Amino acid sequence: MAPVSGLLAHALTTHEPRPELALARITYEILGLIPAIPTTVEVRTIRPGRTIELIEATASTGGRPVVRATAWRLSRQDTTEVAGGEPSPLPSPDDCVPWRPSEIWPGGYIASIELRHTPDKQPGTGRAWIRTDKAVVADEEVAPIAAYLGLVDTANGMNVRVDPGEWLFPNIDLTVHLHRDPLGGPGHWVGFDTQVTFGREGVGLTSTTLHDEGGAVGRAEQILTLRAGR
């Protein structure tokens, strides 16, 4: 889902651009399997406004919607006087341990990312950095926030609670709240401080504080459907 989330974020940031508004929340609904075939993206404004605006982008393949994203854009204001409450920064990527996610996850997307995690990583909890040298869209300028969002869905899977060969735990959504614009793009690190919770009735939750190299930028939540893999 991660590459499609970046594509939809790119579509949203280029839709009737409003530089005076910040993309503060984006929710992705995963409507089905996402095949690697030509994809159509449609964008519309749901709720126009001078200081608050809701927009939507939908990705479809074969005439069927596969991912829908809605985003709130909020008025930018100078709130320096009252700013505060940010979580502590993550350890630097240079102080983390390289790890190859392709050891447990297949696919070209996973093979394209570089990942490092802190030495205190435990099942279901951990802090990690990921980056890629790939662009969201070839030969097009992509906003840093869209490139950043194109990696966030990876949070579910970087600090697994159980062997993914024994249990399935796909997320069926992704909601990201941002209190500032993150830095993103090829070569830029995306930081995760993640906690994975499994309930007793087939539902789980991956909760992540999001960082860039300048500090915390927001949070991500992913609801999971839990199923025995065998």
Protein backbone atom coordinates (compact mmCIF):
# COMPACT_ATOMS: atom_id res chain seq x y z
CA MET A 1 0.00 0.00 0.00
CA ALA A 2 2.88 2.39 0.72
CA PRO A 3 3.65 3.36 -2.91
CA VAL A 4 -0.04 4.02 -3.62
CA SER A 5 -0.30 6.14 -0.47
CA GLY A 6 2.53 8.29 -1.80
CA LEU A 7 0.81 8.57 -5.18
CA LEU A 8 -2.46 9.68 -3.58
CA ALA A 9 -0.64 12.17 -1.34
CA HIS A 10 1.00 13.59 -4.47
CA ALA A 11 -2.40 13.90 -6.14
CA LEU A 12 -3.81 15.68 -3.10
CA THR A 13 -0.93 18.13 -2.73
CA THR A 14 -1.17 19.10 -6.41
CA HIS A 15 -4.98 19.46 -6.36
CA GLU A 16 -5.89 23.16 -6.37
CA PRO A 17 -2.77 24.01 -4.31
CA ARG A 18 -3.35 26.10 -1.19
CA PRO A 19 0.08 27.03 0.26
CA GLU A 20 -1.65 28.94 3.06
CA LEU A 21 -3.18 25.65 4.27
CA ALA A 22 -1.30 22.75 5.89
CA LEU A 23 -2.12 19.13 5.13
CA ALA A 24 -2.76 18.17 8.76
CA ARG A 25 -4.58 14.84 8.58
CA ILE A 26 -4.87 12.15 5.94
CA THR A 27 -6.82 8.90 6.19
CA TYR A 28 -6.40 6.05 3.74
CA GLU A 29 -9.11 3.38 3.44
CA ILE A 30 -7.80 0.19 1.82
CA LEU A 31 -10.76 -1.12 -0.17
CA GLY A 32 -9.20 -4.29 -1.59
CA LEU A 33 -6.11 -5.91 -3.00
CA ILE A 34 -3.88 -3.47 -4.87
CA PRO A 35 -2.57 -5.05 -8.08
CA ALA A 36 0.55 -3.71 -9.79
CA ILE A 37 -1.27 -2.60 -12.94
CA PRO A 38 -2.09 0.81 -14.47
CA THR A 39 -3.90 2.93 -11.89
CA THR A 40 -6.34 5.82 -12.29
CA VAL A 41 -6.49 8.58 -9.65
CA GLU A 42 -9.45 10.93 -9.25
CA VAL A 43 -9.33 13.96 -6.93
CA ARG A 44 -12.11 16.22 -5.70
CA THR A 45 -12.83 18.84 -3.07
CA ILE A 46 -15.47 17.61 -0.61
CA ARG A 47 -15.68 20.62 1.67
CA PRO A 48 -14.19 23.87 0.35
CA GLY A 49 -13.32 26.62 2.78
CA ARG A 50 -11.14 29.66 3.37
CA THR A 51 -9.33 28.25 6.43
CA ILE A 52 -10.43 24.58 6.56
CA GLU A 53 -10.80 22.31 3.55
CA LEU A 54 -11.50 18.59 3.01
CA ILE A 55 -10.25 16.91 -0.18
CA GLU A 56 -10.35 13.34 -1.45
CA ALA A 57 -8.33 11.17 -3.85
CA THR A 58 -9.30 7.68 -5.02
CA ALA A 59 -7.05 5.15 -6.77
CA SER A 60 -8.79 2.64 -9.05
CA THR A 61 -7.59 -0.34 -11.06
CA GLY A 62 -9.69 -2.11 -13.66
CA GLY A 63 -12.57 0.23 -12.91
CA ARG A 64 -12.61 -0.70 -9.21
CA PRO A 65 -11.56 1.63 -6.35
CA VAL A 66 -8.72 0.11 -4.29
CA VAL A 67 -7.62 2.95 -1.97
CA ARG A 68 -9.44 6.13 -0.96
CA ALA A 69 -7.72 9.00 0.86
CA THR A 70 -9.32 12.01 2.51
CA ALA A 71 -7.26 14.91 3.82
CA TRP A 72 -7.95 17.96 5.94
CA ARG A 73 -6.07 21.12 5.05
CA LEU A 74 -5.93 23.67 7.89
CA SER A 75 -4.96 27.33 7.99
CA ARG A 76 -1.30 28.04 8.75
CA GLN A 77 -0.84 30.44 11.68
CA ASP A 78 2.14 31.71 13.68
CA THR A 79 1.76 29.77 16.94
CA THR A 80 5.42 29.90 17.98
CA GLU A 81 4.45 31.52 21.29
CA VAL A 82 2.51 28.46 22.48
CA ALA A 83 4.32 25.65 20.61
CA GLY A 84 5.44 22.68 22.72
CA GLY A 85 4.69 19.14 23.89
CA GLU A 86 6.67 17.30 21.22
CA PRO A 87 7.95 13.78 22.04
CA SER A 88 11.67 13.26 22.53
CA PRO A 89 13.66 12.81 19.30
CA LEU A 90 14.75 9.38 18.13
CA PRO A 91 18.40 8.30 18.23
CA SER A 92 20.20 9.28 15.03
CA PRO A 93 20.14 6.79 12.14
CA ASP A 94 23.93 6.68 12.52
CA ASP A 95 23.42 5.23 16.02
CA CYS A 96 21.06 2.49 14.83
CA VAL A 97 21.62 -1.04 13.53
CA PRO A 98 21.07 -1.91 9.84
CA TRP A 99 18.37 -4.51 9.18
CA ARG A 100 17.13 -6.06 5.94
CA PRO A 101 13.30 -6.15 6.02
CA SER A 102 13.35 -8.39 2.94
CA GLU A 103 14.42 -11.17 5.34
CA ILE A 104 10.77 -11.50 6.40
CA TRP A 105 8.80 -9.51 3.80
CA PRO A 106 8.85 -10.14 0.03
CA GLY A 107 8.36 -7.69 -2.81
CA GLY A 108 10.10 -5.01 -4.79
CA TYR A 109 8.98 -2.16 -2.54
CA ILE A 110 10.49 -3.75 0.57
CA ALA A 111 13.69 -4.50 -1.33
CA SER A 112 13.92 -0.80 -2.27
CA ILE A 113 14.05 0.56 1.30
CA GLU A 114 16.93 0.90 3.72
CA LEU A 115 16.06 0.29 7.38
CA ARG A 116 17.88 0.80 10.66
CA HIS A 117 16.53 0.10 14.15
CA THR A 118 17.66 0.83 17.69
CA PRO A 119 19.38 -2.02 19.57
CA ASP A 120 16.54 -2.19 22.14
CA LYS A 121 14.03 -3.47 19.56
CA GLN A 122 11.55 -6.02 21.00
CA PRO A 123 8.64 -7.95 19.43
CA GLY A 124 5.84 -5.47 18.89
CA THR A 125 7.74 -2.38 19.94
CA GLY A 126 10.73 -0.51 18.63
CA ARG A 127 12.22 2.57 17.04
CA ALA A 128 13.41 2.56 13.46
CA TRP A 129 14.38 4.72 10.50
CA ILE A 130 13.64 3.95 6.85
CA ARG A 131 14.47 5.66 3.57
CA THR A 132 14.55 4.97 -0.14
CA ASP A 133 16.32 6.39 -3.17
CA LYS A 134 13.19 5.92 -5.30
CA ALA A 135 10.89 8.78 -6.32
CA VAL A 136 7.14 8.62 -5.77
CA VAL A 137 6.48 9.62 -9.39
CA ALA A 138 9.13 9.48 -12.09
CA ASP A 139 10.02 12.75 -13.81
CA GLU A 140 7.67 14.86 -11.67
CA GLU A 141 8.38 17.19 -8.77
CA VAL A 142 6.83 15.71 -5.63
CA ALA A 143 6.22 17.71 -2.44
CA PRO A 144 8.35 16.54 0.52
CA ILE A 145 5.22 15.76 2.54
CA ALA A 146 3.90 13.45 -0.20
CA ALA A 147 7.22 11.60 -0.43
CA TYR A 148 7.25 11.25 3.36
CA LEU A 149 3.71 9.86 3.45
CA GLY A 150 4.69 7.32 0.81
CA LEU A 151 6.76 5.47 3.43
CA VAL A 152 4.53 5.71 6.53
CA ASP A 153 2.41 2.61 5.85
CA THR A 154 5.59 0.56 6.33
CA ALA A 155 5.24 1.09 10.11
CA ASN A 156 3.00 -1.99 10.28
CA GLY A 157 5.57 -4.69 9.68
CA MET A 158 8.77 -3.11 10.97
CA ASN A 159 8.22 -4.18 14.62
CA VAL A 160 6.24 -7.41 14.33
CA ARG A 161 4.79 -9.10 17.42
CA VAL A 162 4.66 -12.56 15.84
CA ASP A 163 6.11 -14.48 12.92
CA PRO A 164 4.21 -13.25 9.82
CA GLY A 165 4.41 -16.79 8.46
CA GLU A 166 2.23 -17.99 11.35
CA TRP A 167 -0.16 -15.04 11.75
CA LEU A 168 -1.54 -12.51 9.28
CA PHE A 169 -2.03 -8.92 10.47
CA PRO A 170 -2.69 -6.63 7.48
CA ASN A 171 -3.87 -3.11 8.14
CA ILE A 172 -7.06 -2.02 6.43
CA ASP A 173 -6.50 1.68 6.98
CA LEU A 174 -3.88 4.31 7.80
CA THR A 175 -4.52 7.64 9.49
CA VAL A 176 -1.74 10.20 9.83
CA HIS A 177 -1.96 13.38 11.92
CA LEU A 178 0.80 15.95 11.37
CA HIS A 179 1.57 19.01 13.50
CA ARG A 180 4.19 20.24 11.02
CA ASP A 181 5.32 19.54 7.47
CA PRO A 182 7.88 16.70 7.44
CA LEU A 183 10.97 16.53 5.29
CA GLY A 184 10.76 13.78 2.69
CA GLY A 185 12.04 12.58 -0.63
CA PRO A 186 14.76 10.26 -1.94
CA GLY A 187 17.48 9.88 0.69
CA HIS A 188 15.47 11.45 3.54
CA TRP A 189 14.87 9.36 6.66
CA VAL A 190 11.39 8.63 8.06
CA GLY A 191 11.42 7.73 11.76
CA PHE A 192 9.05 5.36 13.59
CA ASP A 193 8.52 4.88 17.33
CA THR A 194 6.02 2.05 17.16
CA GLN A 195 3.86 0.01 19.54
CA VAL A 196 1.81 -2.92 18.21
CA THR A 197 -1.19 -4.16 20.22
CA PHE A 198 -3.08 -7.39 19.49
CA GLY A 199 -6.54 -7.76 21.03
CA ARG A 200 -8.31 -11.00 21.96
CA GLU A 201 -11.00 -10.90 19.25
CA GLY A 202 -9.11 -10.62 15.97
CA VAL A 203 -8.34 -6.91 15.96
CA GLY A 204 -4.99 -5.19 16.43
CA LEU A 205 -3.56 -1.69 16.34
CA THR A 206 -0.20 -0.33 15.20
CA SER A 207 0.46 3.08 16.80
CA THR A 208 3.46 5.14 15.73
CA THR A 209 4.97 8.47 16.65
CA LEU A 210 6.41 9.82 13.41
CA HIS A 211 9.72 11.65 13.07
CA ASP A 212 11.98 13.19 10.48
CA GLU A 213 15.60 14.12 11.11
CA GLY A 214 14.42 17.35 12.76
CA GLY A 215 12.26 15.63 15.39
CA ALA A 216 8.67 14.48 15.87
CA VAL A 217 6.14 15.45 13.20
CA GLY A 218 2.95 13.61 14.20
CA ARG A 219 1.32 10.22 14.69
CA ALA A 220 0.05 7.30 12.60
CA GLU A 221 -2.58 4.70 13.50
CA GLN A 222 -3.33 1.49 11.59
CA ILE A 223 -6.14 -0.92 12.46
CA LEU A 224 -5.29 -4.58 11.85
CA THR A 225 -7.30 -7.69 11.09
CA LEU A 226 -5.65 -10.68 12.83
CA ARG A 227 -5.90 -14.17 11.37
CA ALA A 228 -4.04 -17.43 11.80
CA GLY A 229 -1.82 -17.97 8.79
CA ARG A 230 -2.00 -21.75 8.80
